Each structure stands twice: as C-alpha cells, then as structure tokens.
C-alpha cells in the first residue's frame, strides 16, 4: 500500500468559512498542468516547424487558445464543486 509523503492534508471542514473558501479557490484541476504542458509544446513545435512548412505550422497557434480554455473550464468546474461542498456543509 502506498503511503502519501509530506504533511497530512487538512480536513476540508476545518477553519473559518473564509479559510475554507480561500482553500476552495486555490484548487486546481488535475488536468490543468497537462493542459499547460500541451500549450507550451504546441507553441514550441509551431515555431520549430515553421521553416520546414513555409510558415503554415504557425496556424497551429490558433489551437492554443481553445486548449487553454478547456483548462480554465476544468479548473473553474473543480472550484465550483469545492464551493458547493462548503455550502452543503454549512447548510446542514
């Protein structure tokens, strides 16, 4: 069985309401870092391939914005879920 390293995570419902909201707003989606890597790799490949494709590879830069938007949507969805959990705990 794998034992997590580092400090033990704080319970979700510890602290004041403001602290819980601040923690929920710092949450990131698991896919967020991979989407960032994908955006960077797309940019690098576009620039490196430009001389070999007569500049047409630069059109792939148009894909960076939608990829980044997917990452933002995933992160905001995760934050909303965390905030809804706080609301549900306070309401009960």
PDB file of N, CA and C in Angstrom:
ATOM      1  N   UNK A   1       0.839  -1.173   0.000  1.00  0.00           N
ATOM      2  CA  UNK A   1       0.000   0.000   0.000  1.00  0.00           C
ATOM      3  C   UNK A   1       0.888   1.240   0.000  1.00  0.00           C
ATOM      4  N   UNK A   2       0.530   2.203  -0.810  1.00  0.00           N
ATOM      5  CA  UNK A   2       1.325   3.412  -0.952  1.00  0.00           C
ATOM      6  C   UNK A   2       1.000   4.394   0.166  1.00  0.00           C
ATOM      7  N   UNK A   3       2.035   4.931   0.783  1.00  0.00           N
ATOM      8  CA  UNK A   3       1.865   5.901   1.864  1.00  0.00           C
ATOM      9  C   UNK A   3       2.173   7.283   1.303  1.00  0.00           C
ATOM     10  N   UNK A   4       1.234   8.246   1.451  1.00  0.00           N
ATOM     11  CA  UNK A   4       1.499   9.577   0.912  1.00  0.00           C
ATOM     12  C   UNK A   4       2.634  10.257   1.669  1.00  0.00           C
ATOM     13  N   UNK A   5       3.475  10.976   0.921  1.00  0.00           N
ATOM     14  CA  UNK A   5       4.562  11.693   1.556  1.00  0.00           C
ATOM     15  C   UNK A   5       4.151  13.138   1.808  1.00  0.00           C
ATOM     16  N   UNK A   6       4.851  13.790   2.701  1.00  0.00           N
ATOM     17  CA  UNK A   6       4.566  15.193   3.001  1.00  0.00           C
ATOM     18  C   UNK A   6       3.582  15.317   4.145  1.00  0.00           C
ATOM     19  N   UNK A   7       3.208  16.558   4.436  1.00  0.00           N
ATOM     20  CA  UNK A   7       2.290  16.774   5.555  1.00  0.00           C
ATOM     21  C   UNK A   7       0.901  16.236   5.252  1.00  0.00           C
ATOM     22  N   UNK A   8       0.216  15.858   6.306  1.00  0.00           N
ATOM     23  CA  UNK A   8      -1.140  15.331   6.144  1.00  0.00           C
ATOM     24  C   UNK A   8      -2.061  16.461   5.688  1.00  0.00           C
ATOM     25  N   UNK A   9      -2.963  16.179   4.760  1.00  0.00           N
ATOM     26  CA  UNK A   9      -3.869  17.233   4.302  1.00  0.00           C
ATOM     27  C   UNK A   9      -4.823  17.641   5.415  1.00  0.00           C
ATOM     28  N   UNK A  10      -5.177  18.927   5.414  1.00  0.00           N
ATOM     29  CA  UNK A  10      -6.114  19.417   6.409  1.00  0.00           C
ATOM     30  C   UNK A  10      -7.511  18.910   6.081  1.00  0.00           C
ATOM     31  N   UNK A  11      -8.317  18.659   7.102  1.00  0.00           N
ATOM     32  CA  UNK A  11      -9.706  18.285   6.820  1.00  0.00           C
ATOM     33  C   UNK A  11     -10.397  19.429   6.087  1.00  0.00           C
ATOM     34  N   UNK A  12     -11.298  19.087   5.187  1.00  0.00           N
ATOM     35  CA  UNK A  12     -11.950  20.101   4.365  1.00  0.00           C
ATOM     36  C   UNK A  12     -12.787  21.066   5.187  1.00  0.00           C
ATOM     37  N   UNK A  13     -13.351  20.606   6.282  1.00  0.00           N
ATOM     38  CA  UNK A  13     -14.265  21.455   7.029  1.00  0.00           C
ATOM     39  C   UNK A  13     -13.622  22.086   8.257  1.00  0.00           C
ATOM     40  N   UNK A  14     -12.288  22.196   8.283  1.00  0.00           N
ATOM     41  CA  UNK A  14     -11.630  22.847   9.401  1.00  0.00           C
ATOM     42  C   UNK A  14     -11.406  24.316   9.069  1.00  0.00           C
ATOM     43  N   UNK A  15     -11.370  25.154  10.090  1.00  0.00           N
ATOM     44  CA  UNK A  15     -11.122  26.574   9.901  1.00  0.00           C
ATOM     45  C   UNK A  15     -12.408  27.348   9.727  1.00  0.00           C
ATOM     46  N   UNK A  16     -12.235  28.647   9.595  1.00  0.00           N
ATOM     47  CA  UNK A  16     -13.396  29.514   9.409  1.00  0.00           C
ATOM     48  C   UNK A  16     -13.934  29.377   7.992  1.00  0.00           C
ATOM     49  N   UNK A  17     -15.087  29.954   7.789  1.00  0.00           N
ATOM     50  CA  UNK A  17     -15.706  29.911   6.467  1.00  0.00           C
ATOM     51  C   UNK A  17     -14.811  30.592   5.436  1.00  0.00           C
ATOM     52  N   UNK A  18     -14.188  31.713   5.816  1.00  0.00           N
ATOM     53  CA  UNK A  18     -13.308  32.425   4.888  1.00  0.00           C
ATOM     54  C   UNK A  18     -12.100  31.569   4.503  1.00  0.00           C
ATOM     55  N   UNK A  19     -11.544  30.831   5.474  1.00  0.00           N
ATOM     56  CA  UNK A  19     -10.409  29.964   5.185  1.00  0.00           C
ATOM     57  C   UNK A  19     -10.806  28.828   4.255  1.00  0.00           C
ATOM     58  N   UNK A  20     -11.992  28.274   4.477  1.00  0.00           N
ATOM     59  CA  UNK A  20     -12.465  27.194   3.612  1.00  0.00           C
ATOM     60  C   UNK A  20     -12.683  27.698   2.189  1.00  0.00           C
ATOM     61  N   UNK A  21     -13.238  28.899   2.053  1.00  0.00           N
ATOM     62  CA  UNK A  21     -13.461  29.472   0.724  1.00  0.00           C
ATOM     63  C   UNK A  21     -12.125  29.758   0.050  1.00  0.00           C
ATOM     64  N   UNK A  22     -11.164  30.292   0.808  1.00  0.00           N
ATOM     65  CA  UNK A  22      -9.842  30.569   0.236  1.00  0.00           C
ATOM     66  C   UNK A  22      -9.176  29.286  -0.240  1.00  0.00           C
ATOM     67  N   UNK A  23      -9.323  28.202   0.540  1.00  0.00           N
ATOM     68  CA  UNK A  23      -8.752  26.912   0.127  1.00  0.00           C
ATOM     69  C   UNK A  23      -9.441  26.399  -1.133  1.00  0.00           C
ATOM     70  N   UNK A  24     -10.759  26.565  -1.197  1.00  0.00           N
ATOM     71  CA  UNK A  24     -11.511  26.092  -2.369  1.00  0.00           C
ATOM     72  C   UNK A  24     -11.118  26.869  -3.619  1.00  0.00           C
ATOM     73  N   UNK A  25     -10.788  28.144  -3.475  1.00  0.00           N
ATOM     74  CA  UNK A  25     -10.424  28.959  -4.635  1.00  0.00           C
ATOM     75  C   UNK A  25      -9.014  28.656  -5.133  1.00  0.00           C
ATOM     76  N   UNK A  26      -8.208  27.976  -4.320  1.00  0.00           N
ATOM     77  CA  UNK A  26      -6.847  27.607  -4.738  1.00  0.00           C
ATOM     78  C   UNK A  26      -6.799  26.246  -5.424  1.00  0.00           C
ATOM     79  N   UNK A  27      -7.907  25.518  -5.430  1.00  0.00           N
ATOM     80  CA  UNK A  27      -7.947  24.172  -6.005  1.00  0.00           C
ATOM     81  C   UNK A  27      -7.754  24.259  -7.512  1.00  0.00           C
ATOM     82  N   UNK A  28      -6.951  23.336  -8.041  1.00  0.00           N
ATOM     83  CA  UNK A  28      -6.757  23.248  -9.479  1.00  0.00           C
ATOM     84  C   UNK A  28      -7.185  21.874  -9.962  1.00  0.00           C
ATOM     85  N   UNK A  29      -7.595  21.817 -11.191  1.00  0.00           N
ATOM     86  CA  UNK A  29      -7.969  20.553 -11.805  1.00  0.00           C
ATOM     87  C   UNK A  29      -6.719  19.705 -12.028  1.00  0.00           C
ATOM     88  N   UNK A  30      -6.893  18.406 -11.981  1.00  0.00           N
ATOM     89  CA  UNK A  30      -5.772  17.503 -12.222  1.00  0.00           C
ATOM     90  C   UNK A  30      -5.264  17.637 -13.657  1.00  0.00           C
ATOM     91  N   UNK A  31      -6.134  17.999 -14.562  1.00  0.00           N
ATOM     92  CA  UNK A  31      -5.750  18.133 -15.969  1.00  0.00           C
ATOM     93  C   UNK A  31      -5.089  19.471 -16.270  1.00  0.00           C
ATOM     94  N   UNK A  32      -5.136  20.398 -15.323  1.00  0.00           N
ATOM     95  CA  UNK A  32      -4.650  21.752 -15.570  1.00  0.00           C
ATOM     96  C   UNK A  32      -3.167  21.787 -15.940  1.00  0.00           C
ATOM     97  N   UNK A  33      -2.351  21.042 -15.236  1.00  0.00           N
ATOM     98  CA  UNK A  33      -0.915  21.069 -15.540  1.00  0.00           C
ATOM     99  C   UNK A  33      -0.631  20.424 -16.897  1.00  0.00           C
ATOM    100  N   UNK A  34      -1.346  19.364 -17.227  1.00  0.00           N
ATOM    101  CA  UNK A  34      -1.136  18.705 -18.518  1.00  0.00           C
ATOM    102  C   UNK A  34      -1.587  19.594 -19.662  1.00  0.00           C
ATOM    103  N   UNK A  35      -2.625  20.342 -19.451  1.00  0.00           N
ATOM    104  CA  UNK A  35      -3.094  21.252 -20.499  1.00  0.00           C
ATOM    105  C   UNK A  35      -2.081  22.366 -20.708  1.00  0.00           C
ATOM    106  N   UNK A  36      -1.477  22.845 -19.626  1.00  0.00           N
ATOM    107  CA  UNK A  36      -0.418  23.848 -19.755  1.00  0.00           C
ATOM    108  C   UNK A  36       0.770  23.319 -20.529  1.00  0.00           C
ATOM    109  N   UNK A  37       1.155  22.083 -20.238  1.00  0.00           N
ATOM    110  CA  UNK A  37       2.268  21.455 -20.963  1.00  0.00           C
ATOM    111  C   UNK A  37       1.917  21.316 -22.442  1.00  0.00           C
ATOM    112  N   UNK A  38       0.694  20.943 -22.727  1.00  0.00           N
ATOM    113  CA  UNK A  38       0.249  20.799 -24.116  1.00  0.00           C
ATOM    114  C   UNK A  38       0.330  22.131 -24.857  1.00  0.00           C
ATOM    115  N   UNK A  39      -0.072  23.212 -24.190  1.00  0.00           N
ATOM    116  CA  UNK A  39       0.001  24.540 -24.825  1.00  0.00           C
ATOM    117  C   UNK A  39       1.444  24.922 -25.132  1.00  0.00           C
ATOM    118  N   UNK A  40       2.329  24.685 -24.175  1.00  0.00           N
ATOM    119  CA  UNK A  40       3.740  25.021 -24.388  1.00  0.00           C
ATOM    120  C   UNK A  40       4.333  24.180 -25.515  1.00  0.00           C
ATOM    121  N   UNK A  41       4.063  22.880 -25.515  1.00  0.00           N
ATOM    122  CA  UNK A  41       4.595  22.010 -26.571  1.00  0.00           C
ATOM    123  C   UNK A  41       4.061  22.404 -27.943  1.00  0.00           C
ATOM    124  N   UNK A  42       2.792  22.773 -27.998  1.00  0.00           N
ATOM    125  CA  UNK A  42       2.213  23.206 -29.271  1.00  0.00           C
ATOM    126  C   UNK A  42       2.942  24.438 -29.789  1.00  0.00           C
ATOM    127  N   UNK A  43       3.192  25.397 -28.904  1.00  0.00           N
ATOM    128  CA  UNK A  43       3.902  26.612 -29.307  1.00  0.00           C
ATOM    129  C   UNK A  43       5.310  26.325 -29.781  1.00  0.00           C
ATOM    130  N   UNK A  44       6.027  25.480 -29.065  1.00  0.00           N
ATOM    131  CA  UNK A  44       7.403  25.155 -29.440  1.00  0.00           C
ATOM    132  C   UNK A  44       7.445  24.433 -30.782  1.00  0.00           C
ATOM    133  N   UNK A  45       6.577  23.467 -30.957  1.00  0.00           N
ATOM    134  CA  UNK A  45       6.548  22.714 -32.216  1.00  0.00           C
ATOM    135  C   UNK A  45       6.188  23.639 -33.381  1.00  0.00           C
ATOM    136  N   UNK A  46       5.264  24.568 -33.168  1.00  0.00           N
ATOM    137  CA  UNK A  46       4.890  25.505 -34.237  1.00  0.00           C
ATOM    138  C   UNK A  46       6.083  26.329 -34.693  1.00  0.00           C
ATOM    139  N   UNK A  47       6.823  26.859 -33.731  1.00  0.00           N
ATOM    140  CA  UNK A  47       7.951  27.725 -34.068  1.00  0.00           C
ATOM    141  C   UNK A  47       9.081  26.920 -34.718  1.00  0.00           C
ATOM    142  N   UNK A  48       9.360  25.738 -34.175  1.00  0.00           N
ATOM    143  CA  UNK A  48      10.450  24.920 -34.724  1.00  0.00           C
ATOM    144  C   UNK A  48      10.120  24.436 -36.133  1.00  0.00           C
ATOM    145  N   UNK A  49       8.876  24.093 -36.377  1.00  0.00           N
ATOM    146  CA  UNK A  49       8.488  23.553 -37.679  1.00  0.00           C
ATOM    147  C   UNK A  49       8.230  24.627 -38.725  1.00  0.00           C
ATOM    148  N   UNK A  50       8.167  25.888 -38.328  1.00  0.00           N
ATOM    149  CA  UNK A  50       7.825  26.963 -39.274  1.00  0.00           C
ATOM    150  C   UNK A  50       8.737  27.011 -40.500  1.00  0.00           C
ATOM    151  N   UNK A  51      10.057  26.924 -40.357  1.00  0.00           N
ATOM    152  CA  UNK A  51      10.898  26.985 -41.565  1.00  0.00           C
ATOM    153  C   UNK A  51      10.690  25.808 -42.518  1.00  0.00           C
ATOM    154  N   UNK A  52      10.301  24.672 -41.985  1.00  0.00           N
ATOM    155  CA  UNK A  52      10.138  23.473 -42.811  1.00  0.00           C
ATOM    156  C   UNK A  52       8.768  23.388 -43.475  1.00  0.00           C
ATOM    157  N   UNK A  53       7.816  24.148 -42.971  1.00  0.00           N
ATOM    158  CA  UNK A  53       6.455  24.097 -43.517  1.00  0.00           C
ATOM    159  C   UNK A  53       6.062  25.411 -44.185  1.00  0.00           C
ATOM    160  N   UNK A  54       7.055  26.243 -44.468  1.00  0.00           N
ATOM    161  CA  UNK A  54       6.826  27.553 -45.087  1.00  0.00           C
ATOM    162  C   UNK A  54       5.870  28.416 -44.265  1.00  0.00           C
ATOM    163  N   UNK A  55       5.919  28.258 -42.956  1.00  0.00           N
ATOM    164  CA  UNK A  55       5.125  29.085 -42.053  1.00  0.00           C
ATOM    165  C   UNK A  55       3.719  28.588 -41.779  1.00  0.00           C
ATOM    166  N   UNK A  56       3.276  27.562 -42.503  1.00  0.00           N
ATOM    167  CA  UNK A  56       1.901  27.097 -42.288  1.00  0.00           C
ATOM    168  C   UNK A  56       1.722  26.430 -40.920  1.00  0.00           C
ATOM    169  N   UNK A  57       2.802  25.966 -40.318  1.00  0.00           N
ATOM    170  CA  UNK A  57       2.674  25.355 -38.993  1.00  0.00           C
ATOM    171  C   UNK A  57       2.280  26.388 -37.946  1.00  0.00           C
ATOM    172  N   UNK A  58       2.504  27.667 -38.239  1.00  0.00           N
ATOM    173  CA  UNK A  58       2.121  28.714 -37.299  1.00  0.00           C
ATOM    174  C   UNK A  58       0.603  28.797 -37.134  1.00  0.00           C
ATOM    175  N   UNK A  59      -0.136  28.223 -38.062  1.00  0.00           N
ATOM    176  CA  UNK A  59      -1.594  28.172 -37.914  1.00  0.00           C
ATOM    177  C   UNK A  59      -2.002  27.338 -36.699  1.00  0.00           C
ATOM    178  N   UNK A  60      -1.131  26.442 -36.272  1.00  0.00           N
ATOM    179  CA  UNK A  60      -1.432  25.624 -35.093  1.00  0.00           C
ATOM    180  C   UNK A  60      -1.474  26.466 -33.829  1.00  0.00           C
ATOM    181  N   UNK A  61      -0.890  27.681 -33.865  1.00  0.00           N
ATOM    182  CA  UNK A  61      -1.021  28.576 -32.714  1.00  0.00           C
ATOM    183  C   UNK A  61      -2.481  28.894 -32.426  1.00  0.00           C
ATOM    184  N   UNK A  62      -3.323  28.796 -33.441  1.00  0.00           N
ATOM    185  CA  UNK A  62      -4.754  29.042 -33.239  1.00  0.00           C
ATOM    186  C   UNK A  62      -5.382  28.002 -32.313  1.00  0.00           C
ATOM    187  N   UNK A  63      -4.719  26.866 -32.152  1.00  0.00           N
ATOM    188  CA  UNK A  63      -5.244  25.812 -31.280  1.00  0.00           C
ATOM    189  C   UNK A  63      -4.907  26.058 -29.809  1.00  0.00           C
ATOM    190  N   UNK A  64      -3.963  26.952 -29.526  1.00  0.00           N
ATOM    191  CA  UNK A  64      -3.540  27.163 -28.140  1.00  0.00           C
ATOM    192  C   UNK A  64      -4.667  27.765 -27.308  1.00  0.00           C
ATOM    193  N   UNK A  65      -5.378  28.743 -27.834  1.00  0.00           N
ATOM    194  CA  UNK A  65      -6.448  29.391 -27.065  1.00  0.00           C
ATOM    195  C   UNK A  65      -7.566  28.418 -26.679  1.00  0.00           C
ATOM    196  N   UNK A  66      -8.090  27.601 -27.602  1.00  0.00           N
ATOM    197  CA  UNK A  66      -9.120  26.643 -27.186  1.00  0.00           C
ATOM    198  C   UNK A  66      -8.608  25.612 -26.181  1.00  0.00           C
ATOM    199  N   UNK A  67      -7.351  25.195 -26.329  1.00  0.00           N
ATOM    200  CA  UNK A  67      -6.790  24.234 -25.372  1.00  0.00           C
ATOM    201  C   UNK A  67      -6.708  24.874 -23.991  1.00  0.00           C
ATOM    202  N   UNK A  68      -6.258  26.114 -23.927  1.00  0.00           N
ATOM    203  CA  UNK A  68      -6.177  26.827 -22.651  1.00  0.00           C
ATOM    204  C   UNK A  68      -7.569  27.053 -22.066  1.00  0.00           C
ATOM    205  N   UNK A  69      -8.554  27.295 -22.910  1.00  0.00           N
ATOM    206  CA  UNK A  69      -9.928  27.492 -22.432  1.00  0.00           C
ATOM    207  C   UNK A  69     -10.470  26.221 -21.789  1.00  0.00           C
ATOM    208  N   UNK A  70     -10.099  25.080 -22.324  1.00  0.00           N
ATOM    209  CA  UNK A  70     -10.526  23.810 -21.725  1.00  0.00           C
ATOM    210  C   UNK A  70      -9.928  23.687 -20.322  1.00  0.00           C
ATOM    211  N   UNK A  71      -8.674  24.088 -20.167  1.00  0.00           N
ATOM    212  CA  UNK A  71      -8.043  24.043 -18.848  1.00  0.00           C
ATOM    213  C   UNK A  71      -8.726  24.968 -17.862  1.00  0.00           C
ATOM    214  N   UNK A  72      -9.071  26.173 -18.312  1.00  0.00           N
ATOM    215  CA  UNK A  72      -9.778  27.122 -17.440  1.00  0.00           C
ATOM    216  C   UNK A  72     -11.145  26.579 -17.039  1.00  0.00           C
ATOM    217  N   UNK A  73     -11.839  25.984 -17.976  1.00  0.00           N
ATOM    218  CA  UNK A  73     -13.161  25.423 -17.676  1.00  0.00           C
ATOM    219  C   UNK A  73     -13.063  24.287 -16.671  1.00  0.00           C
ATOM    220  N   UNK A  74     -12.058  23.437 -16.826  1.00  0.00           N
ATOM    221  CA  UNK A  74     -11.884  22.321 -15.899  1.00  0.00           C
ATOM    222  C   UNK A  74     -11.571  22.821 -14.493  1.00  0.00           C
ATOM    223  N   UNK A  75     -10.718  23.830 -14.394  1.00  0.00           N
ATOM    224  CA  UNK A  75     -10.355  24.375 -13.086  1.00  0.00           C
ATOM    225  C   UNK A  75     -11.545  25.061 -12.435  1.00  0.00           C
ATOM    226  N   UNK A  76     -12.288  25.856 -13.190  1.00  0.00           N
ATOM    227  CA  UNK A  76     -13.450  26.546 -12.627  1.00  0.00           C
ATOM    228  C   UNK A  76     -14.519  25.552 -12.191  1.00  0.00           C
ATOM    229  N   UNK A  77     -14.692  24.482 -12.932  1.00  0.00           N
ATOM    230  CA  UNK A  77     -15.652  23.453 -12.547  1.00  0.00           C
ATOM    231  C   UNK A  77     -15.248  22.799 -11.231  1.00  0.00           C
ATOM    232  N   UNK A  78     -13.962  22.530 -11.082  1.00  0.00           N
ATOM    233  CA  UNK A  78     -13.458  21.929  -9.835  1.00  0.00           C
ATOM    234  C   UNK A  78     -13.654  22.888  -8.660  1.00  0.00           C
ATOM    235  N   UNK A  79     -13.378  24.180  -8.866  1.00  0.00           N
ATOM    236  CA  UNK A  79     -13.565  25.174  -7.804  1.00  0.00           C
ATOM    237  C   UNK A  79     -15.029  25.297  -7.424  1.00  0.00           C
ATOM    238  N   UNK A  80     -15.908  25.278  -8.414  1.00  0.00           N
ATOM    239  CA  UNK A  80     -17.342  25.351  -8.134  1.00  0.00           C
ATOM    240  C   UNK A  80     -17.785  24.167  -7.295  1.00  0.00           C
ATOM    241  N   UNK A  81     -17.269  22.994  -7.621  1.00  0.00           N
ATOM    242  CA  UNK A  81     -17.609  21.798  -6.869  1.00  0.00           C
ATOM    243  C   UNK A  81     -17.174  21.937  -5.411  1.00  0.00           C
ATOM    244  N   UNK A  82     -15.961  22.444  -5.195  1.00  0.00           N
ATOM    245  CA  UNK A  82     -15.468  22.625  -3.830  1.00  0.00           C
ATOM    246  C   UNK A  82     -16.310  23.651  -3.074  1.00  0.00           C
ATOM    247  N   UNK A  83     -16.677  24.742  -3.737  1.00  0.00           N
ATOM    248  CA  UNK A  83     -17.506  25.749  -3.080  1.00  0.00           C
ATOM    249  C   UNK A  83     -18.893  25.209  -2.768  1.00  0.00           C
ATOM    250  N   UNK A  84     -19.442  24.392  -3.644  1.00  0.00           N
ATOM    251  CA  UNK A  84     -20.750  23.790  -3.386  1.00  0.00           C
ATOM    252  C   UNK A  84     -20.697  22.824  -2.209  1.00  0.00           C
ATOM    253  N   UNK A  85     -19.566  22.130  -2.042  1.00  0.00           N
ATOM    254  CA  UNK A  85     -19.406  21.261  -0.878  1.00  0.00           C
ATOM    255  C   UNK A  85     -19.432  22.076   0.409  1.00  0.00           C
ATOM    256  N   UNK A  86     -18.788  23.238   0.392  1.00  0.00           N
ATOM    257  CA  UNK A  86     -18.781  24.112   1.580  1.00  0.00           C
ATOM    258  C   UNK A  86     -20.194  24.590   1.879  1.00  0.00           C
ATOM    259  N   UNK A  87     -20.914  25.007   0.833  1.00  0.00           N
ATOM    260  CA  UNK A  87     -22.292  25.469   1.019  1.00  0.00           C
ATOM    261  C   UNK A  87     -23.158  24.352   1.576  1.00  0.00           C
ATOM    262  N   UNK A  88     -22.984  23.136   1.067  1.00  0.00           N
ATOM    263  CA  UNK A  88     -23.786  21.999   1.533  1.00  0.00           C
ATOM    264  C   UNK A  88     -23.495  21.686   2.989  1.00  0.00           C
ATOM    265  N   UNK A  89     -22.216  21.774   3.402  1.00  0.00           N
ATOM    266  CA  UNK A  89     -21.874  21.504   4.802  1.00  0.00           C
ATOM    267  C   UNK A  89     -22.428  22.566   5.732  1.00  0.00           C
ATOM    268  N   UNK A  90     -22.391  23.836   5.291  1.00  0.00           N
ATOM    269  CA  UNK A  90     -22.887  24.934   6.138  1.00  0.00           C
ATOM    270  C   UNK A  90     -24.404  24.927   6.214  1.00  0.00           C
ATOM    271  N   UNK A  91     -25.038  24.436   5.161  1.00  0.00           N
ATOM    272  CA  UNK A  91     -26.496  24.408   5.140  1.00  0.00           C
ATOM    273  C   UNK A  91     -27.089  23.296   5.983  1.00  0.00           C
ATOM    274  N   UNK A  92     -26.320  22.264   6.270  1.00  0.00           N
ATOM    275  CA  UNK A  92     -26.879  21.137   7.039  1.00  0.00           C
ATOM    276  C   UNK A  92     -26.543  21.218   8.494  1.00  0.00           C
TER     277      UNK A  92
END
